[in-house]
N, C-alpha and C. Protein backbone atom coordinates (compact mmCIF):
# COMPACT_ATOMS: atom_id res chain seq x y z
N MET A 1 70.80 -155.78 -104.85
CA MET A 1 69.77 -155.76 -103.83
C MET A 1 70.44 -156.01 -102.47
N ALA A 2 70.05 -155.25 -101.47
CA ALA A 2 70.60 -155.40 -100.13
C ALA A 2 70.11 -156.71 -99.50
N ARG A 3 70.96 -157.31 -98.72
CA ARG A 3 70.60 -158.55 -98.04
C ARG A 3 69.89 -158.24 -96.73
N VAL A 4 69.03 -159.16 -96.33
CA VAL A 4 68.30 -159.04 -95.07
C VAL A 4 68.85 -160.08 -94.11
N SER A 5 69.08 -159.67 -92.88
CA SER A 5 69.59 -160.58 -91.85
C SER A 5 68.56 -160.75 -90.75
N ILE A 6 68.58 -161.90 -90.13
CA ILE A 6 67.68 -162.16 -89.00
C ILE A 6 68.04 -161.23 -87.85
N GLN A 7 67.03 -160.74 -87.17
CA GLN A 7 67.16 -159.83 -86.03
C GLN A 7 67.74 -158.47 -86.41
N GLN A 8 67.70 -158.12 -87.67
CA GLN A 8 68.17 -156.80 -88.11
C GLN A 8 66.98 -155.85 -88.10
N THR A 9 67.16 -154.66 -87.55
CA THR A 9 66.11 -153.66 -87.51
C THR A 9 65.89 -153.09 -88.90
N ALA A 10 64.64 -153.04 -89.32
CA ALA A 10 64.32 -152.48 -90.63
C ALA A 10 64.41 -150.95 -90.58
N PRO A 11 64.83 -150.33 -91.65
CA PRO A 11 64.88 -148.86 -91.67
C PRO A 11 63.46 -148.29 -91.68
N ASP A 12 63.30 -147.15 -91.08
CA ASP A 12 61.98 -146.51 -91.03
C ASP A 12 61.61 -145.97 -92.42
N PHE A 13 60.33 -145.95 -92.71
CA PHE A 13 59.84 -145.37 -93.97
C PHE A 13 58.42 -144.88 -93.78
N GLN A 14 57.96 -144.08 -94.71
CA GLN A 14 56.59 -143.56 -94.71
C GLN A 14 55.92 -143.91 -96.02
N LEU A 15 54.66 -144.34 -95.92
CA LEU A 15 53.83 -144.63 -97.08
C LEU A 15 52.41 -144.17 -96.80
N ALA A 16 51.67 -143.90 -97.83
CA ALA A 16 50.25 -143.59 -97.67
C ALA A 16 49.48 -144.90 -97.66
N ASP A 17 48.54 -145.04 -96.71
CA ASP A 17 47.71 -146.24 -96.69
C ASP A 17 46.56 -146.09 -97.69
N PHE A 18 45.66 -147.06 -97.72
CA PHE A 18 44.59 -147.03 -98.72
C PHE A 18 43.60 -145.90 -98.51
N LYS A 19 43.63 -145.25 -97.34
CA LYS A 19 42.77 -144.10 -97.07
C LYS A 19 43.50 -142.78 -97.26
N GLY A 20 44.78 -142.85 -97.63
CA GLY A 20 45.57 -141.64 -97.84
C GLY A 20 46.29 -141.15 -96.60
N LYS A 21 46.10 -141.83 -95.47
CA LYS A 21 46.75 -141.45 -94.22
C LYS A 21 48.20 -141.95 -94.24
N THR A 22 49.12 -141.14 -93.71
CA THR A 22 50.53 -141.51 -93.68
C THR A 22 50.78 -142.59 -92.64
N PHE A 23 51.45 -143.64 -93.06
CA PHE A 23 51.84 -144.75 -92.19
C PHE A 23 53.35 -144.75 -92.06
N THR A 24 53.87 -144.91 -90.84
CA THR A 24 55.30 -145.04 -90.63
C THR A 24 55.58 -146.37 -89.94
N LEU A 25 56.62 -147.03 -90.37
CA LEU A 25 56.99 -148.30 -89.76
C LEU A 25 57.36 -148.12 -88.29
N SER A 26 58.00 -147.00 -87.96
CA SER A 26 58.42 -146.76 -86.57
C SER A 26 57.23 -146.67 -85.61
N ALA A 27 56.04 -146.40 -86.11
CA ALA A 27 54.86 -146.33 -85.24
C ALA A 27 54.54 -147.70 -84.62
N LEU A 28 55.00 -148.77 -85.24
CA LEU A 28 54.74 -150.12 -84.73
C LEU A 28 55.93 -150.74 -84.01
N ARG A 29 57.05 -150.04 -83.98
CA ARG A 29 58.26 -150.60 -83.38
C ARG A 29 58.03 -150.97 -81.92
N GLY A 30 58.35 -152.22 -81.58
CA GLY A 30 58.22 -152.69 -80.21
C GLY A 30 56.82 -153.14 -79.84
N GLU A 31 55.85 -152.98 -80.72
CA GLU A 31 54.47 -153.35 -80.40
C GLU A 31 53.99 -154.61 -81.11
N LYS A 32 54.36 -154.76 -82.37
CA LYS A 32 53.82 -155.84 -83.17
C LYS A 32 54.88 -156.40 -84.10
N ASN A 33 54.61 -157.58 -84.61
CA ASN A 33 55.42 -158.12 -85.70
C ASN A 33 54.85 -157.57 -86.99
N VAL A 34 55.72 -157.26 -87.93
CA VAL A 34 55.30 -156.68 -89.20
C VAL A 34 55.84 -157.53 -90.33
N LEU A 35 54.99 -157.88 -91.26
CA LEU A 35 55.39 -158.59 -92.47
C LEU A 35 55.16 -157.67 -93.65
N LEU A 36 56.22 -157.38 -94.38
CA LEU A 36 56.11 -156.51 -95.55
C LEU A 36 56.19 -157.36 -96.80
N VAL A 37 55.30 -157.09 -97.73
CA VAL A 37 55.29 -157.80 -99.00
C VAL A 37 55.31 -156.76 -100.11
N PHE A 38 56.31 -156.84 -100.95
CA PHE A 38 56.40 -155.96 -102.09
C PHE A 38 56.23 -156.81 -103.34
N ASN A 39 55.12 -156.65 -104.01
CA ASN A 39 54.86 -157.41 -105.22
C ASN A 39 55.67 -156.85 -106.36
N ARG A 40 56.25 -157.73 -107.14
CA ARG A 40 56.99 -157.33 -108.31
C ARG A 40 56.08 -157.46 -109.52
N THR A 41 56.13 -156.48 -110.36
CA THR A 41 55.34 -156.56 -111.59
C THR A 41 56.27 -156.93 -112.73
N PHE A 42 55.76 -157.70 -113.63
CA PHE A 42 56.54 -158.13 -114.76
C PHE A 42 55.98 -157.49 -116.02
N THR A 43 56.83 -156.85 -116.76
CA THR A 43 56.37 -156.20 -117.99
C THR A 43 57.07 -156.79 -119.18
């Protein structure tokens, strides 16, 4: 797993939101703080 460093720019990515609209991280760059949470599933 890659390490995360403080003040490191996150790579851009695209995901569909809950309405099916495409969301890009770069759309928020410089405007807001973003917290990403990726839930892990256990099987």
